Amino acid sequence: MIREESVVSKVEELMETLDNIKKYNALAHSLKKFAIIVIGSITVFAILAGVFELFDLRLVLDRPLFLSVALLSLLIPVTGIILGVLFVRRKVASVKTGEWRDELSHGFPSALKILVELDWEKTFDEISMGKLSYTLYAFLKTAAYWAVSFFALSFRKRCHLPDSATASIL
């Protein structure tokens, strides 16, 4: 037999899950700006690296100065990733959750009212969008980390650094 307290706790679990989905959807809405920030910073770095190669600044600058300039330029995509992640976290943290707690504290009738008032079609759409957006965010973030790692390793080759120097840079 199902008790009223059990129903209320199940509705509470459902509403907490829907609150998490709200956060994922906030992530989906900020995904475009995240991608622009990260891809823009990586593009700026790639252009800067291209200028270094085009003018062969290794020959113009002495080795310590070139190494310093190259390391500082590597901070551009790293900063872009950090700013993008912070931007997304701020957007997700700004989502209001738990607004249903007061109503649910009144017991079974309130839990039933919450269930009846839910727009189930919209809720299922939000669940699907939340899963997709979280996956895309993880993919973009991973791709950005791989790009920075690739640039750092190609930086080692351009500067003719030994493997131990690369390990200390990374």
N, C-alpha and C. Protein backbone atom coordinates (compact mmCIF):
# COMPACT_ATOMS: atom_id res chain seq x y z
N MET A 1 0.83 -1.17 0.00
CA MET A 1 0.00 0.00 0.00
C MET A 1 0.89 1.25 0.00
N ILE A 2 0.50 2.20 -0.79
CA ILE A 2 1.27 3.44 -0.90
C ILE A 2 0.76 4.43 0.15
N ARG A 3 1.70 4.96 0.92
CA ARG A 3 1.33 5.94 1.94
C ARG A 3 1.49 7.34 1.38
N GLU A 4 0.81 8.28 1.99
CA GLU A 4 0.85 9.67 1.52
C GLU A 4 2.26 10.24 1.61
N GLU A 5 2.99 9.89 2.66
CA GLU A 5 4.36 10.39 2.82
C GLU A 5 5.25 9.89 1.68
N SER A 6 5.00 8.67 1.25
CA SER A 6 5.77 8.09 0.15
C SER A 6 5.51 8.86 -1.14
N VAL A 7 4.26 9.22 -1.39
CA VAL A 7 3.91 9.98 -2.59
C VAL A 7 4.57 11.35 -2.54
N VAL A 8 4.52 11.99 -1.40
CA VAL A 8 5.14 13.31 -1.26
C VAL A 8 6.64 13.23 -1.50
N SER A 9 7.29 12.21 -0.97
CA SER A 9 8.74 12.09 -1.18
C SER A 9 9.07 11.81 -2.64
N LYS A 10 8.24 11.02 -3.32
CA LYS A 10 8.46 10.75 -4.75
C LYS A 10 8.26 12.01 -5.59
N VAL A 11 7.27 12.80 -5.26
CA VAL A 11 7.04 14.06 -5.97
C VAL A 11 8.21 15.01 -5.70
N GLU A 12 8.72 15.00 -4.48
CA GLU A 12 9.89 15.83 -4.16
C GLU A 12 11.09 15.41 -5.00
N GLU A 13 11.32 14.11 -5.15
CA GLU A 13 12.42 13.62 -6.00
C GLU A 13 12.22 14.06 -7.44
N LEU A 14 10.99 13.96 -7.92
CA LEU A 14 10.69 14.37 -9.29
C LEU A 14 10.97 15.86 -9.48
N MET A 15 10.55 16.66 -8.55
CA MET A 15 10.74 18.11 -8.67
C MET A 15 12.22 18.49 -8.58
N GLU A 16 12.99 17.78 -7.75
CA GLU A 16 14.43 18.03 -7.70
C GLU A 16 15.09 17.67 -9.03
N THR A 17 14.64 16.60 -9.63
CA THR A 17 15.15 16.21 -10.94
C THR A 17 14.80 17.26 -11.99
N LEU A 18 13.58 17.76 -11.94
CA LEU A 18 13.17 18.80 -12.88
C LEU A 18 13.94 20.10 -12.66
N ASP A 19 14.32 20.38 -11.42
CA ASP A 19 15.17 21.54 -11.15
C ASP A 19 16.54 21.37 -11.79
N ASN A 20 17.09 20.15 -11.71
CA ASN A 20 18.37 19.89 -12.38
C ASN A 20 18.24 20.04 -13.89
N ILE A 21 17.11 19.65 -14.42
CA ILE A 21 16.88 19.79 -15.86
C ILE A 21 16.80 21.26 -16.23
N LYS A 22 16.23 22.07 -15.36
CA LYS A 22 16.21 23.52 -15.59
C LYS A 22 17.64 24.04 -15.72
N LYS A 23 18.52 23.53 -14.87
CA LYS A 23 19.92 23.96 -14.93
C LYS A 23 20.57 23.52 -16.24
N TYR A 24 20.27 22.31 -16.68
CA TYR A 24 20.82 21.84 -17.95
C TYR A 24 20.31 22.69 -19.11
N ASN A 25 19.06 23.12 -19.03
CA ASN A 25 18.52 23.96 -20.08
C ASN A 25 19.13 25.35 -20.05
N ALA A 26 19.48 25.85 -18.88
CA ALA A 26 20.21 27.11 -18.80
C ALA A 26 21.57 26.94 -19.46
N LEU A 27 22.16 25.78 -19.26
CA LEU A 27 23.43 25.46 -19.91
C LEU A 27 23.24 25.47 -21.43
N ALA A 28 22.14 24.92 -21.90
CA ALA A 28 21.87 24.89 -23.35
C ALA A 28 21.76 26.29 -23.92
N HIS A 29 21.15 27.19 -23.16
CA HIS A 29 20.99 28.55 -23.65
C HIS A 29 22.31 29.33 -23.65
N SER A 30 23.26 28.92 -22.83
CA SER A 30 24.55 29.61 -22.80
C SER A 30 25.62 28.87 -23.60
N LEU A 31 25.24 27.77 -24.23
CA LEU A 31 26.20 26.95 -24.98
C LEU A 31 26.78 27.70 -26.17
N LYS A 32 25.97 28.48 -26.84
CA LYS A 32 26.44 29.23 -28.02
C LYS A 32 27.51 30.24 -27.62
N LYS A 33 27.28 30.98 -26.54
CA LYS A 33 28.27 31.95 -26.09
C LYS A 33 29.53 31.26 -25.59
N PHE A 34 29.36 30.11 -24.94
CA PHE A 34 30.52 29.33 -24.49
C PHE A 34 31.38 28.94 -25.69
N ALA A 35 30.73 28.44 -26.73
CA ALA A 35 31.46 28.03 -27.94
C ALA A 35 32.15 29.22 -28.58
N ILE A 36 31.50 30.37 -28.63
CA ILE A 36 32.11 31.56 -29.22
C ILE A 36 33.33 31.98 -28.42
N ILE A 37 33.23 31.98 -27.10
CA ILE A 37 34.36 32.38 -26.26
C ILE A 37 35.55 31.43 -26.46
N VAL A 38 35.29 30.13 -26.40
CA VAL A 38 36.37 29.14 -26.49
C VAL A 38 36.97 29.11 -27.89
N ILE A 39 36.12 29.03 -28.91
CA ILE A 39 36.63 28.98 -30.28
C ILE A 39 37.32 30.28 -30.65
N GLY A 40 36.80 31.40 -30.17
CA GLY A 40 37.45 32.69 -30.43
C GLY A 40 38.84 32.76 -29.82
N SER A 41 38.99 32.29 -28.60
CA SER A 41 40.31 32.34 -27.96
C SER A 41 41.29 31.40 -28.64
N ILE A 42 40.81 30.23 -29.06
CA ILE A 42 41.69 29.30 -29.77
C ILE A 42 42.06 29.87 -31.13
N THR A 43 41.14 30.54 -31.79
CA THR A 43 41.43 31.17 -33.08
C THR A 43 42.47 32.27 -32.94
N VAL A 44 42.32 33.09 -31.92
CA VAL A 44 43.31 34.16 -31.67
C VAL A 44 44.69 33.54 -31.44
N PHE A 45 44.72 32.47 -30.66
CA PHE A 45 46.00 31.81 -30.42
C PHE A 45 46.58 31.23 -31.71
N ALA A 46 45.74 30.61 -32.53
CA ALA A 46 46.21 30.03 -33.79
C ALA A 46 46.75 31.11 -34.72
N ILE A 47 46.08 32.25 -34.77
CA ILE A 47 46.57 33.37 -35.58
C ILE A 47 47.91 33.86 -35.06
N LEU A 48 48.01 33.99 -33.75
CA LEU A 48 49.27 34.42 -33.14
C LEU A 48 50.38 33.42 -33.42
N ALA A 49 50.08 32.13 -33.32
CA ALA A 49 51.08 31.10 -33.63
C ALA A 49 51.47 31.17 -35.11
N GLY A 50 50.50 31.45 -35.97
CA GLY A 50 50.79 31.60 -37.40
C GLY A 50 51.70 32.78 -37.67
N VAL A 51 51.49 33.87 -36.96
CA VAL A 51 52.37 35.04 -37.10
C VAL A 51 53.77 34.70 -36.63
N PHE A 52 53.87 33.96 -35.53
CA PHE A 52 55.20 33.52 -35.05
C PHE A 52 55.91 32.70 -36.11
N GLU A 53 55.17 31.79 -36.74
CA GLU A 53 55.76 30.94 -37.78
C GLU A 53 56.08 31.74 -39.03
N LEU A 54 55.17 32.62 -39.43
CA LEU A 54 55.34 33.39 -40.66
C LEU A 54 56.58 34.26 -40.61
N PHE A 55 56.75 34.95 -39.52
CA PHE A 55 57.91 35.84 -39.39
C PHE A 55 59.10 35.15 -38.74
N ASP A 56 58.94 33.88 -38.41
CA ASP A 56 60.00 33.07 -37.79
C ASP A 56 60.65 33.84 -36.64
N LEU A 57 59.85 34.16 -35.66
CA LEU A 57 60.30 34.96 -34.52
C LEU A 57 61.33 34.23 -33.67
N ARG A 58 61.49 32.92 -33.88
CA ARG A 58 62.53 32.20 -33.15
C ARG A 58 63.89 32.78 -33.47
N LEU A 59 64.07 33.20 -34.72
CA LEU A 59 65.36 33.75 -35.14
C LEU A 59 65.54 35.19 -34.67
N VAL A 60 64.44 35.95 -34.61
CA VAL A 60 64.52 37.36 -34.24
C VAL A 60 64.71 37.53 -32.74
N LEU A 61 63.93 36.80 -31.96
CA LEU A 61 64.00 36.91 -30.51
C LEU A 61 64.98 35.89 -29.96
N ASP A 62 65.65 36.27 -28.88
CA ASP A 62 66.51 35.27 -28.26
C ASP A 62 65.63 34.19 -27.60
N ARG A 63 66.21 33.06 -27.35
CA ARG A 63 65.44 31.88 -26.93
C ARG A 63 64.60 32.11 -25.66
N PRO A 64 65.13 32.71 -24.60
CA PRO A 64 64.29 32.91 -23.41
C PRO A 64 63.12 33.86 -23.67
N LEU A 65 63.36 34.91 -24.46
CA LEU A 65 62.29 35.86 -24.75
C LEU A 65 61.22 35.20 -25.62
N PHE A 66 61.64 34.42 -26.62
CA PHE A 66 60.67 33.73 -27.47
C PHE A 66 59.87 32.73 -26.66
N LEU A 67 60.54 32.03 -25.77
CA LEU A 67 59.87 31.06 -24.91
C LEU A 67 58.83 31.76 -24.03
N SER A 68 59.18 32.92 -23.49
CA SER A 68 58.25 33.66 -22.65
C SER A 68 57.04 34.15 -23.45
N VAL A 69 57.29 34.67 -24.64
CA VAL A 69 56.20 35.16 -25.49
C VAL A 69 55.29 34.00 -25.89
N ALA A 70 55.88 32.88 -26.25
CA ALA A 70 55.10 31.71 -26.66
C ALA A 70 54.26 31.17 -25.50
N LEU A 71 54.84 31.13 -24.31
CA LEU A 71 54.08 30.66 -23.14
C LEU A 71 52.94 31.61 -22.81
N LEU A 72 53.21 32.91 -22.90
CA LEU A 72 52.15 33.88 -22.63
C LEU A 72 51.03 33.76 -23.66
N SER A 73 51.40 33.49 -24.91
CA SER A 73 50.35 33.33 -25.93
C SER A 73 49.53 32.07 -25.68
N LEU A 74 50.13 31.07 -25.06
CA LEU A 74 49.39 29.85 -24.72
C LEU A 74 48.33 30.12 -23.64
N LEU A 75 48.52 31.20 -22.90
CA LEU A 75 47.52 31.56 -21.88
C LEU A 75 46.21 32.04 -22.50
N ILE A 76 46.25 32.45 -23.77
CA ILE A 76 45.03 32.95 -24.42
C ILE A 76 43.95 31.87 -24.49
N PRO A 77 44.23 30.69 -25.06
CA PRO A 77 43.15 29.69 -25.08
C PRO A 77 42.82 29.13 -23.70
N VAL A 78 43.80 29.07 -22.82
CA VAL A 78 43.53 28.58 -21.46
C VAL A 78 42.58 29.55 -20.76
N THR A 79 42.83 30.84 -20.91
CA THR A 79 41.96 31.86 -20.33
C THR A 79 40.57 31.80 -20.96
N GLY A 80 40.52 31.57 -22.27
CA GLY A 80 39.23 31.45 -22.95
C GLY A 80 38.40 30.30 -22.40
N ILE A 81 39.05 29.17 -22.17
CA ILE A 81 38.33 28.02 -21.61
C ILE A 81 37.84 28.34 -20.21
N ILE A 82 38.70 28.92 -19.40
CA ILE A 82 38.32 29.24 -18.03
C ILE A 82 37.16 30.24 -18.01
N LEU A 83 37.25 31.29 -18.84
CA LEU A 83 36.16 32.27 -18.89
C LEU A 83 34.86 31.64 -19.38
N GLY A 84 34.96 30.77 -20.37
CA GLY A 84 33.77 30.09 -20.87
C GLY A 84 33.11 29.23 -19.81
N VAL A 85 33.91 28.47 -19.09
CA VAL A 85 33.38 27.60 -18.03
C VAL A 85 32.77 28.45 -16.91
N LEU A 86 33.43 29.53 -16.54
CA LEU A 86 32.89 30.40 -15.50
C LEU A 86 31.58 31.05 -15.94
N PHE A 87 31.51 31.44 -17.22
CA PHE A 87 30.28 32.01 -17.77
C PHE A 87 29.13 31.02 -17.67
N VAL A 88 29.37 29.78 -18.06
CA VAL A 88 28.33 28.76 -18.00
C VAL A 88 27.94 28.48 -16.56
N ARG A 89 28.90 28.38 -15.67
CA ARG A 89 28.58 28.12 -14.26
C ARG A 89 27.73 29.23 -13.66
N ARG A 90 28.04 30.48 -14.04
CA ARG A 90 27.26 31.61 -13.53
C ARG A 90 25.83 31.54 -14.02
N LYS A 91 25.65 31.20 -15.30
CA LYS A 91 24.30 31.08 -15.86
C LYS A 91 23.52 29.95 -15.19
N VAL A 92 24.18 28.83 -14.97
CA VAL A 92 23.52 27.69 -14.34
C VAL A 92 23.19 28.00 -12.89
N ALA A 93 24.09 28.69 -12.19
CA ALA A 93 23.85 29.02 -10.79
C ALA A 93 22.72 30.04 -10.62
N SER A 94 22.43 30.81 -11.66
CA SER A 94 21.39 31.83 -11.55
C SER A 94 19.97 31.26 -11.71
N VAL A 95 19.87 29.99 -12.03
CA VAL A 95 18.55 29.36 -12.20
C VAL A 95 17.89 29.21 -10.83
N LYS A 96 16.65 29.66 -10.76
CA LYS A 96 15.89 29.54 -9.51
C LYS A 96 15.33 28.13 -9.40
N THR A 97 15.62 27.50 -8.28
CA THR A 97 15.14 26.13 -8.05
C THR A 97 14.47 26.07 -6.68
N GLY A 98 13.71 25.02 -6.48
CA GLY A 98 13.10 24.78 -5.17
C GLY A 98 11.90 25.64 -4.87
N GLU A 99 11.33 26.30 -5.88
CA GLU A 99 10.18 27.17 -5.63
C GLU A 99 8.95 26.37 -5.23
N TRP A 100 8.98 25.09 -5.44
CA TRP A 100 7.86 24.20 -5.15
C TRP A 100 7.89 23.69 -3.71
N ARG A 101 8.97 23.91 -3.00
CA ARG A 101 9.13 23.33 -1.66
C ARG A 101 8.06 23.80 -0.67
N ASP A 102 7.73 25.10 -0.71
CA ASP A 102 6.71 25.61 0.22
C ASP A 102 5.37 24.91 0.00
N GLU A 103 5.00 24.80 -1.26
CA GLU A 103 3.72 24.17 -1.57
C GLU A 103 3.73 22.69 -1.20
N LEU A 104 4.84 22.01 -1.46
CA LEU A 104 4.91 20.58 -1.17
C LEU A 104 4.92 20.30 0.34
N SER A 105 5.29 21.28 1.12
CA SER A 105 5.32 21.07 2.57
C SER A 105 3.92 20.87 3.16
N HIS A 106 2.88 21.14 2.38
CA HIS A 106 1.50 20.96 2.86
C HIS A 106 1.00 19.54 2.70
N GLY A 107 1.85 18.65 2.21
CA GLY A 107 1.49 17.23 2.18
C GLY A 107 0.93 16.72 0.88
N PHE A 108 0.15 15.64 1.01
CA PHE A 108 -0.35 14.90 -0.14
C PHE A 108 -1.20 15.74 -1.09
N PRO A 109 -2.13 16.56 -0.61
CA PRO A 109 -2.95 17.35 -1.55
C PRO A 109 -2.10 18.29 -2.41
N SER A 110 -1.08 18.85 -1.82
CA SER A 110 -0.19 19.74 -2.57
C SER A 110 0.63 18.96 -3.59
N ALA A 111 1.07 17.77 -3.22
CA ALA A 111 1.83 16.93 -4.15
C ALA A 111 0.96 16.57 -5.34
N LEU A 112 -0.27 16.24 -5.08
CA LEU A 112 -1.20 15.91 -6.16
C LEU A 112 -1.44 17.13 -7.06
N LYS A 113 -1.58 18.28 -6.45
CA LYS A 113 -1.79 19.53 -7.22
C LYS A 113 -0.58 19.81 -8.12
N ILE A 114 0.62 19.62 -7.58
CA ILE A 114 1.84 19.85 -8.38
C ILE A 114 1.86 18.91 -9.57
N LEU A 115 1.54 17.65 -9.36
CA LEU A 115 1.54 16.67 -10.45
C LEU A 115 0.50 17.01 -11.51
N VAL A 116 -0.65 17.45 -11.09
CA VAL A 116 -1.72 17.78 -12.03
C VAL A 116 -1.35 19.01 -12.85
N GLU A 117 -0.68 19.98 -12.24
CA GLU A 117 -0.36 21.23 -12.92
C GLU A 117 0.88 21.15 -13.82
N LEU A 118 1.63 20.05 -13.73
CA LEU A 118 2.81 19.92 -14.58
C LEU A 118 2.41 19.80 -16.04
N ASP A 119 3.12 20.51 -16.90
CA ASP A 119 2.94 20.39 -18.35
C ASP A 119 3.88 19.27 -18.79
N TRP A 120 3.34 18.06 -18.89
CA TRP A 120 4.17 16.88 -19.11
C TRP A 120 4.87 16.91 -20.46
N GLU A 121 4.20 17.38 -21.49
CA GLU A 121 4.83 17.43 -22.82
C GLU A 121 6.04 18.35 -22.80
N LYS A 122 5.86 19.51 -22.20
CA LYS A 122 6.98 20.46 -22.08
C LYS A 122 8.10 19.86 -21.22
N THR A 123 7.73 19.16 -20.17
CA THR A 123 8.71 18.55 -19.28
C THR A 123 9.55 17.51 -20.01
N PHE A 124 8.91 16.68 -20.82
CA PHE A 124 9.65 15.67 -21.58
C PHE A 124 10.58 16.32 -22.60
N ASP A 125 10.11 17.41 -23.23
CA ASP A 125 10.98 18.14 -24.17
C ASP A 125 12.19 18.72 -23.46
N GLU A 126 11.97 19.26 -22.27
CA GLU A 126 13.07 19.83 -21.49
C GLU A 126 14.07 18.76 -21.09
N ILE A 127 13.59 17.58 -20.76
CA ILE A 127 14.48 16.49 -20.39
C ILE A 127 15.37 16.10 -21.57
N SER A 128 14.77 15.98 -22.75
CA SER A 128 15.54 15.64 -23.95
C SER A 128 16.56 16.72 -24.26
N MET A 129 16.16 17.98 -24.19
CA MET A 129 17.07 19.08 -24.49
C MET A 129 18.18 19.16 -23.45
N GLY A 130 17.85 18.88 -22.20
CA GLY A 130 18.85 18.93 -21.13
C GLY A 130 19.94 17.90 -21.34
N LYS A 131 19.57 16.70 -21.72
CA LYS A 131 20.57 15.65 -21.97
C LYS A 131 21.48 16.05 -23.12
N LEU A 132 20.88 16.54 -24.19
CA LEU A 132 21.65 16.92 -25.38
C LEU A 132 22.59 18.07 -25.08
N SER A 133 22.12 19.07 -24.38
CA SER A 133 22.96 20.24 -24.10
C SER A 133 24.12 19.88 -23.19
N TYR A 134 23.88 19.03 -22.20
CA TYR A 134 24.96 18.63 -21.31
C TYR A 134 26.02 17.84 -22.07
N THR A 135 25.59 16.99 -22.98
CA THR A 135 26.52 16.22 -23.81
C THR A 135 27.33 17.13 -24.71
N LEU A 136 26.68 18.10 -25.34
CA LEU A 136 27.39 19.04 -26.21
C LEU A 136 28.40 19.88 -25.42
N TYR A 137 28.01 20.31 -24.25
CA TYR A 137 28.90 21.09 -23.40
C TYR A 137 30.14 20.27 -23.04
N ALA A 138 29.94 19.03 -22.66
CA ALA A 138 31.07 18.16 -22.32
C ALA A 138 31.96 17.94 -23.54
N PHE A 139 31.36 17.75 -24.70
CA PHE A 139 32.13 17.56 -25.92
C PHE A 139 32.95 18.80 -26.27
N LEU A 140 32.33 19.98 -26.21
CA LEU A 140 33.06 21.22 -26.52
C LEU A 140 34.19 21.48 -25.54
N LYS A 141 33.93 21.22 -24.29
CA LYS A 141 34.96 21.43 -23.27
C LYS A 141 36.13 20.47 -23.48
N THR A 142 35.84 19.23 -23.78
CA THR A 142 36.89 18.24 -24.03
C THR A 142 37.68 18.61 -25.28
N ALA A 143 36.98 19.03 -26.34
CA ALA A 143 37.66 19.43 -27.57
C ALA A 143 38.58 20.63 -27.32
N ALA A 144 38.14 21.55 -26.49
CA ALA A 144 38.97 22.72 -26.17
C ALA A 144 40.22 22.30 -25.40
N TYR A 145 40.06 21.39 -24.45
CA TYR A 145 41.24 20.90 -23.71
C TYR A 145 42.21 20.20 -24.65
N TRP A 146 41.68 19.40 -25.58
CA TRP A 146 42.54 18.72 -26.55
C TRP A 146 43.26 19.74 -27.44
N ALA A 147 42.57 20.79 -27.85
CA ALA A 147 43.19 21.81 -28.69
C ALA A 147 44.34 22.50 -27.96
N VAL A 148 44.13 22.85 -26.71
CA VAL A 148 45.19 23.49 -25.93
C VAL A 148 46.36 22.52 -25.76
N SER A 149 46.07 21.25 -25.49
CA SER A 149 47.14 20.26 -25.36
C SER A 149 47.91 20.12 -26.67
N PHE A 150 47.19 20.10 -27.77
CA PHE A 150 47.83 20.00 -29.08
C PHE A 150 48.75 21.19 -29.32
N PHE A 151 48.26 22.40 -29.01
CA PHE A 151 49.08 23.59 -29.20
C PHE A 151 50.31 23.57 -28.29
N ALA A 152 50.13 23.09 -27.07
CA ALA A 152 51.27 23.03 -26.14
C ALA A 152 52.32 22.06 -26.65
N LEU A 153 51.88 20.92 -27.17
CA LEU A 153 52.83 19.94 -27.69
C LEU A 153 53.48 20.42 -28.99
N SER A 154 52.73 21.11 -29.83
CA SER A 154 53.33 21.64 -31.06
C SER A 154 54.27 22.79 -30.72
N PHE A 155 53.98 23.47 -29.63
CA PHE A 155 54.86 24.54 -29.15
C PHE A 155 56.23 23.95 -28.78
N ARG A 156 56.22 22.77 -28.17
CA ARG A 156 57.47 22.11 -27.81
C ARG A 156 58.31 21.83 -29.05
N LYS A 157 57.66 21.37 -30.10
CA LYS A 157 58.38 21.06 -31.34
C LYS A 157 58.94 22.33 -31.99
N ARG A 158 58.14 23.40 -31.97
CA ARG A 158 58.58 24.66 -32.59
C ARG A 158 59.78 25.24 -31.86
N CYS A 159 59.79 25.09 -30.54
CA CYS A 159 60.87 25.67 -29.76
C CYS A 159 62.04 24.71 -29.58
N HIS A 160 61.89 23.49 -30.08
CA HIS A 160 62.93 22.47 -29.96
C HIS A 160 63.27 22.21 -28.49
N LEU A 161 62.21 22.02 -27.70
CA LEU A 161 62.41 21.73 -26.27
C LEU A 161 62.45 20.23 -26.06
N PRO A 162 63.23 19.76 -25.10
CA PRO A 162 63.22 18.33 -24.78
C PRO A 162 61.91 17.95 -24.09
N ASP A 163 61.62 16.66 -24.02
CA ASP A 163 60.36 16.20 -23.43
C ASP A 163 60.20 16.62 -21.97
N SER A 164 61.28 16.68 -21.22
CA SER A 164 61.16 17.07 -19.80
C SER A 164 60.74 18.51 -19.66
N ALA A 165 61.13 19.37 -20.61
CA ALA A 165 60.69 20.77 -20.55
C ALA A 165 59.20 20.88 -20.82
N THR A 166 58.67 20.07 -21.71
CA THR A 166 57.24 20.09 -22.00
C THR A 166 56.45 19.65 -20.78
N ALA A 167 56.94 18.68 -20.08
CA ALA A 167 56.24 18.20 -18.90
C ALA A 167 56.17 19.30 -17.84
N SER A 168 57.21 20.11 -17.74
CA SER A 168 57.18 21.19 -16.75
C SER A 168 56.27 22.32 -17.21
N ILE A 169 56.09 22.49 -18.54
CA ILE A 169 55.19 23.52 -19.04
C ILE A 169 53.74 23.13 -18.80
N LEU A 170 53.43 21.87 -19.09
CA LEU A 170 52.05 21.39 -18.93
C LEU A 170 51.74 21.16 -17.48
